[in-house]
Protein backbone atom coordinates (compact mmCIF):
# COMPACT_ATOMS: atom_id res chain seq x y z
CA UNK A 1 -27.47 35.66 4.39
CA UNK A 2 -30.79 33.94 3.74
CA UNK A 3 -33.32 34.04 0.88
CA UNK A 4 -35.79 31.72 -1.19
CA UNK A 5 -33.32 31.79 -3.98
CA UNK A 6 -30.51 30.70 -1.41
CA UNK A 7 -32.68 28.10 -0.32
CA UNK A 8 -33.62 26.35 -3.64
CA UNK A 9 -29.87 26.65 -4.69
CA UNK A 10 -28.98 24.60 -1.69
CA UNK A 11 -31.36 22.02 -2.17
CA UNK A 12 -30.33 21.89 -5.85
CA UNK A 13 -26.81 21.33 -5.04
CA UNK A 14 -27.63 18.77 -2.51
CA UNK A 15 -30.20 17.14 -5.07
CA UNK A 16 -27.29 16.79 -7.23
CA UNK A 17 -25.09 15.56 -4.64
CA UNK A 18 -22.44 18.61 -4.47
CA UNK A 19 -22.39 18.26 -0.67
CA UNK A 20 -19.27 20.39 -0.18
CA UNK A 21 -20.43 23.03 -2.48
CA UNK A 22 -23.74 23.38 -0.57
CA UNK A 23 -21.70 23.19 2.97
CA UNK A 24 -19.32 25.97 1.66
CA UNK A 25 -21.78 28.08 -0.54
CA UNK A 26 -22.80 30.72 2.03
CA UNK A 27 -19.22 31.33 3.10
CA UNK A 28 -17.84 31.47 -0.37
CA UNK A 29 -20.85 34.23 -1.12
CA UNK A 30 -19.48 36.26 1.57
CA UNK A 31 -15.96 36.34 0.36
CA UNK A 32 -16.99 36.74 -3.27
CA UNK A 33 -18.60 40.16 -2.24
CA UNK A 34 -15.77 41.03 0.14
CA UNK A 35 -13.17 40.29 -1.94
CA UNK A 36 -15.21 41.77 -5.15
CA UNK A 37 -14.71 38.16 -7.22
CA UNK A 38 -15.43 37.80 -10.78
CA UNK A 39 -18.11 35.41 -11.82
CA UNK A 40 -15.16 32.95 -13.11
CA UNK A 41 -13.05 33.36 -9.74
CA UNK A 42 -16.05 32.36 -7.60
CA UNK A 43 -16.91 29.37 -9.71
CA UNK A 44 -13.30 28.28 -9.38
CA UNK A 45 -13.26 28.45 -5.58
CA UNK A 46 -16.58 26.14 -5.85
CA UNK A 47 -15.04 23.43 -7.87
CA UNK A 48 -11.78 23.59 -6.36
CA UNK A 49 -13.78 22.92 -2.93
CA UNK A 50 -15.57 20.11 -4.39
CA UNK A 51 -12.85 18.17 -6.09
CA UNK A 52 -10.75 18.25 -3.14
CA UNK A 53 -13.76 16.42 -1.32
CA UNK A 54 -13.75 14.19 -4.65
CA UNK A 55 -10.27 13.43 -3.93
CA UNK A 56 -10.52 12.67 -0.32
CA UNK A 57 -13.30 10.32 -0.66
CA UNK A 58 -11.33 8.63 -3.12
CA UNK A 59 -8.48 8.29 -1.05
CA UNK A 60 -10.71 6.78 1.97
CA UNK A 61 -12.45 4.44 -0.47
CA UNK A 62 -8.99 2.75 -1.82
CA UNK A 63 -7.71 2.75 1.71
CA UNK A 64 -10.95 0.66 2.87
CA UNK A 65 -10.32 -1.58 -0.50
CA UNK A 66 -6.57 -2.07 0.45
CA UNK A 67 -7.12 -4.00 3.44
CA UNK A 68 -4.23 -2.49 5.35
CA UNK A 69 -3.86 -4.23 8.78
CA UNK A 70 -3.16 -0.62 10.08
CA UNK A 71 -1.99 2.51 8.20
CA UNK A 72 1.29 3.68 8.89
CA UNK A 73 2.96 6.40 6.79
CA UNK A 74 6.78 6.78 5.52
CA UNK A 75 6.91 9.85 7.52
CA UNK A 76 6.46 7.69 10.60
CA UNK A 77 9.06 5.92 9.99
CA UNK A 78 12.62 6.01 12.29
CA UNK A 79 15.39 6.14 9.56
CA UNK A 80 17.91 6.53 12.76
CA UNK A 81 16.84 3.35 13.86
CA UNK A 82 17.79 1.39 10.86
CA UNK A 83 21.01 2.97 9.45
CA UNK A 84 21.31 0.58 7.00
CA UNK A 85 18.24 2.04 5.08
CA UNK A 86 18.73 5.19 2.66
CA UNK A 87 15.86 7.40 3.06
CA UNK A 88 16.58 9.09 -0.37
CA UNK A 89 16.26 5.60 -1.90
CA UNK A 90 12.62 5.42 0.05
CA UNK A 91 11.73 9.12 -1.07
CA UNK A 92 12.39 8.15 -4.61
CA UNK A 93 10.13 5.08 -4.28
CA UNK A 94 7.59 6.94 -2.86
CA UNK A 95 7.27 9.07 -5.87
CA UNK A 96 5.50 6.01 -7.12
CA UNK A 97 7.27 5.99 -10.62
CA UNK A 98 7.90 2.04 -10.25
CA UNK A 99 4.28 1.47 -10.71
CA UNK A 100 4.06 3.25 -13.62
CA UNK A 101 6.76 1.29 -14.95
CA UNK A 102 4.87 -1.95 -13.64
CA UNK A 103 8.03 -2.57 -11.56
CA UNK A 104 8.51 -4.56 -8.22
CA UNK A 105 9.79 -3.69 -4.33
CA UNK A 106 11.61 -6.27 -2.58
CA UNK A 107 12.15 -5.34 1.00
CA UNK A 108 14.33 -8.07 2.77
CA UNK A 109 15.28 -8.46 6.47
CA UNK A 110 14.68 -10.24 9.60
CA UNK A 111 11.31 -9.78 11.27
CA UNK A 112 10.76 -6.41 13.00
CA UNK A 113 12.85 -4.07 11.29
CA UNK A 114 10.20 -2.11 9.49
CA UNK A 115 9.35 -3.84 5.95
CA UNK A 116 5.63 -4.12 6.66
CA UNK A 117 5.68 -0.47 8.07
CA UNK A 118 7.42 0.56 4.77
CA UNK A 119 4.98 -1.56 2.51
CA UNK A 120 2.26 -0.04 3.84
CA UNK A 121 3.68 3.35 3.70
CA UNK A 122 4.40 3.16 -0.26
CA UNK A 123 0.63 1.76 -0.52
CA UNK A 124 -0.66 4.57 1.07
CA UNK A 125 1.52 6.91 -1.24
CA UNK A 126 0.07 5.05 -4.08
CA UNK A 127 -3.32 5.68 -3.15
CA UNK A 128 -2.80 9.47 -2.47
CA UNK A 129 -1.44 9.32 -6.45
CA UNK A 130 -5.04 7.46 -7.30
CA UNK A 131 -3.61 3.96 -7.83
CA UNK A 132 -5.49 0.89 -6.52
CA UNK A 133 -3.86 -0.99 -3.92
CA UNK A 134 -4.52 -4.43 -2.64
CA UNK A 135 -2.33 -5.53 0.75
CA UNK A 136 -2.18 -9.06 1.88
CA UNK A 137 0.10 -11.87 3.51
CA UNK A 138 1.48 -14.30 1.59
CA UNK A 139 -0.24 -17.07 3.46
CA UNK A 140 -3.37 -15.41 3.21
CA UNK A 141 -3.09 -15.52 -0.54
CA UNK A 142 -1.90 -18.66 -0.96
CA UNK A 143 -4.86 -19.99 1.29
CA UNK A 144 -7.22 -17.95 -0.90
CA UNK A 145 -5.99 -19.21 -4.08
CA UNK A 146 -5.89 -22.76 -2.78
CA UNK A 147 -9.69 -22.64 -1.89
CA UNK A 148 -10.57 -21.58 -5.30
CA UNK A 149 -8.40 -24.01 -6.85
CA UNK A 150 -10.54 -26.79 -5.03
CA UNK A 151 -13.75 -24.92 -6.02
CA UNK A 152 -12.59 -24.99 -9.50
CA UNK A 153 -12.73 -21.06 -9.63
CA UNK A 154 -8.67 -20.42 -9.88
CA UNK A 155 -8.98 -18.10 -12.79
CA UNK A 156 -11.46 -15.89 -11.43
CA UNK A 157 -9.51 -15.34 -7.99
CA UNK A 158 -6.23 -14.81 -9.95
CA UNK A 159 -7.95 -12.09 -11.65
CA UNK A 160 -9.19 -10.24 -7.95
CA UNK A 161 -5.00 -10.26 -7.39
CA UNK A 162 -3.98 -9.04 -11.03
CA UNK A 163 -6.54 -5.97 -10.81
CA UNK A 164 -4.69 -3.57 -8.44
CA UNK A 165 -2.24 -1.31 -9.97
CA UNK A 166 -0.10 -2.41 -6.58
CA UNK A 167 -0.36 -5.88 -4.95
CA UNK A 168 1.56 -6.01 -1.95
CA UNK A 169 2.52 -9.58 -0.65
CA UNK A 170 3.60 -9.26 3.10
CA UNK A 171 5.91 -12.36 4.99
CA UNK A 172 7.00 -14.21 2.20
CA UNK A 173 8.92 -17.11 3.42
CA UNK A 174 7.48 -16.91 7.34
CA UNK A 175 5.65 -20.20 6.62
CA UNK A 176 6.64 -23.27 4.39
CA UNK A 177 4.88 -23.32 1.34
CA UNK A 178 3.94 -26.69 -0.54
CA UNK A 179 4.74 -27.63 -3.90
CA UNK A 180 0.75 -26.64 -4.89
CA UNK A 181 1.26 -23.14 -3.51
CA UNK A 182 4.47 -22.47 -4.87
CA UNK A 183 2.49 -23.12 -8.11
CA UNK A 184 -0.31 -21.02 -7.31
CA UNK A 185 2.24 -18.30 -6.55
CA UNK A 186 3.75 -18.49 -9.66
CA UNK A 187 0.73 -18.23 -11.74
CA UNK A 188 0.02 -15.16 -9.68
CA UNK A 189 3.36 -13.56 -10.23
CA UNK A 190 3.54 -14.76 -13.64
CA UNK A 191 -0.31 -13.05 -14.16
CA UNK A 192 1.28 -9.59 -12.99
CA UNK A 193 4.72 -9.76 -14.36
CA UNK A 194 4.95 -6.54 -16.73
CA UNK A 195 1.22 -5.94 -15.92
CA UNK A 196 1.14 -4.77 -12.49
CA UNK A 197 3.84 -3.73 -9.63
CA UNK A 198 4.26 -5.94 -6.46
CA UNK A 199 5.77 -5.09 -3.22
CA UNK A 200 6.94 -7.98 -1.29
CA UNK A 201 8.29 -8.54 2.05
CA UNK A 202 10.31 -11.60 3.19
CA UNK A 203 12.65 -12.51 6.00
CA UNK A 204 14.50 -14.92 3.84
CA UNK A 205 17.64 -13.99 1.50
CA UNK A 206 16.60 -15.26 -2.08
CA UNK A 207 19.04 -18.21 -1.82
CA UNK A 208 16.88 -19.45 0.64
CA UNK A 209 13.87 -19.26 -1.75
CA UNK A 210 14.19 -22.76 -3.04
CA UNK A 211 13.46 -24.06 0.31
CA UNK A 212 10.87 -21.58 0.79
CA UNK A 213 9.10 -22.95 -1.88
CA UNK A 214 10.06 -26.65 -1.57
CA UNK A 215 11.27 -26.36 -5.08
CA UNK A 216 14.23 -24.46 -6.62
CA UNK A 217 12.97 -24.49 -9.91
CA UNK A 218 9.88 -23.05 -8.95
CA UNK A 219 11.55 -20.54 -7.10
CA UNK A 220 14.12 -19.55 -9.70
CA UNK A 221 11.30 -18.95 -12.07
CA UNK A 222 9.35 -16.93 -9.20
CA UNK A 223 12.53 -15.03 -8.59
CA UNK A 224 13.35 -14.35 -12.74
CA UNK A 225 9.88 -12.57 -13.00
CA UNK A 226 10.04 -11.03 -9.97
CA UNK A 227 13.51 -9.72 -10.51
CA UNK A 228 13.55 -8.74 -13.93
CA UNK A 229 12.02 -5.25 -13.21
CA UNK A 230 12.61 -4.51 -9.38
CA UNK A 231 14.10 -2.64 -6.65
CA UNK A 232 15.83 -4.78 -3.60
CA UNK A 233 16.24 -3.43 -0.30
CA UNK A 234 17.70 -5.14 2.55
CA UNK A 235 17.32 -4.16 5.89
CA UNK A 236 19.83 -5.03 8.47
CA UNK A 237 19.38 -3.86 12.14
CA UNK A 238 17.58 -4.58 15.43
CA UNK A 239 14.08 -5.42 15.85
CA UNK A 240 11.48 -2.16 16.79
CA UNK A 241 9.56 -4.25 18.99
CA UNK A 242 12.59 -5.64 20.90
CA UNK A 243 13.87 -1.87 20.94
CA UNK A 244 10.61 -1.26 22.99
CA UNK A 245 10.80 -4.21 25.12
CA UNK A 246 14.98 -3.24 25.95
CA UNK A 247 13.35 0.39 27.12
CA UNK A 248 10.70 -0.78 29.56
CA UNK A 249 13.36 -3.78 31.04
CA UNK A 250 11.01 -6.41 29.76
CA UNK A 251 14.04 -7.67 27.85
CA UNK A 252 17.13 -8.74 28.82
CA UNK A 253 20.40 -9.34 26.63
CA UNK A 254 21.40 -13.01 27.68
CA UNK A 255 24.49 -13.03 25.30
CA UNK A 256 26.97 -13.08 27.89
CA UNK A 257 25.17 -14.89 30.75
CA UNK A 258 27.03 -17.83 31.66
CA UNK A 259 24.11 -19.91 33.65
């Protein structure tokens, strides 16, 4: 189908940045003629196409802004390998009601058990539900805040970490944190307390957080705010990475090696 009026309409749609409508218009006109659609049905199909494009663009934009190191989904998580984890609990969290309630999720467990995978998977679910998300390692955040502190712009930088509806802080406790870093982390947690949700992953039990932050008083104050409205999941199991090495024969269990 081609006519001067169609060409004018296509150009008008492009000028209005209704690109999906312009792309689908001819097909939809053919469908409308074959199915004898009413004007309202035809218009509804046009708007649905445009809304879907807008939704997908929003997801792409929020995923880019989130700065995930890679994208993982909850559907690809191997629950059979990590039997200590209840899939129903993850399913419940994936509905993101915890974000609406400004609650936190804390994932504890040794390296390689899938904490980061789960945190990213929950972040992806949040993005698909329209929530702004930001991902960063604890070390990156503390380095960023320390730099801002030294440049006398800490308040401004804290606001950037306060803005996302969901802030994912990965690898708390993997590297020691000095007193200044502990104070900066406390300020971050305080800013978000009951104002925005956090997901934290850590390889250290809460009893060790006094050592992690180098100050038991600050660690207690941090945990007091984090745990007030929170879900804590403790994952016990083998490392996925070691599992893959064992499959290839690159890892040998020397537990019974007496040499």
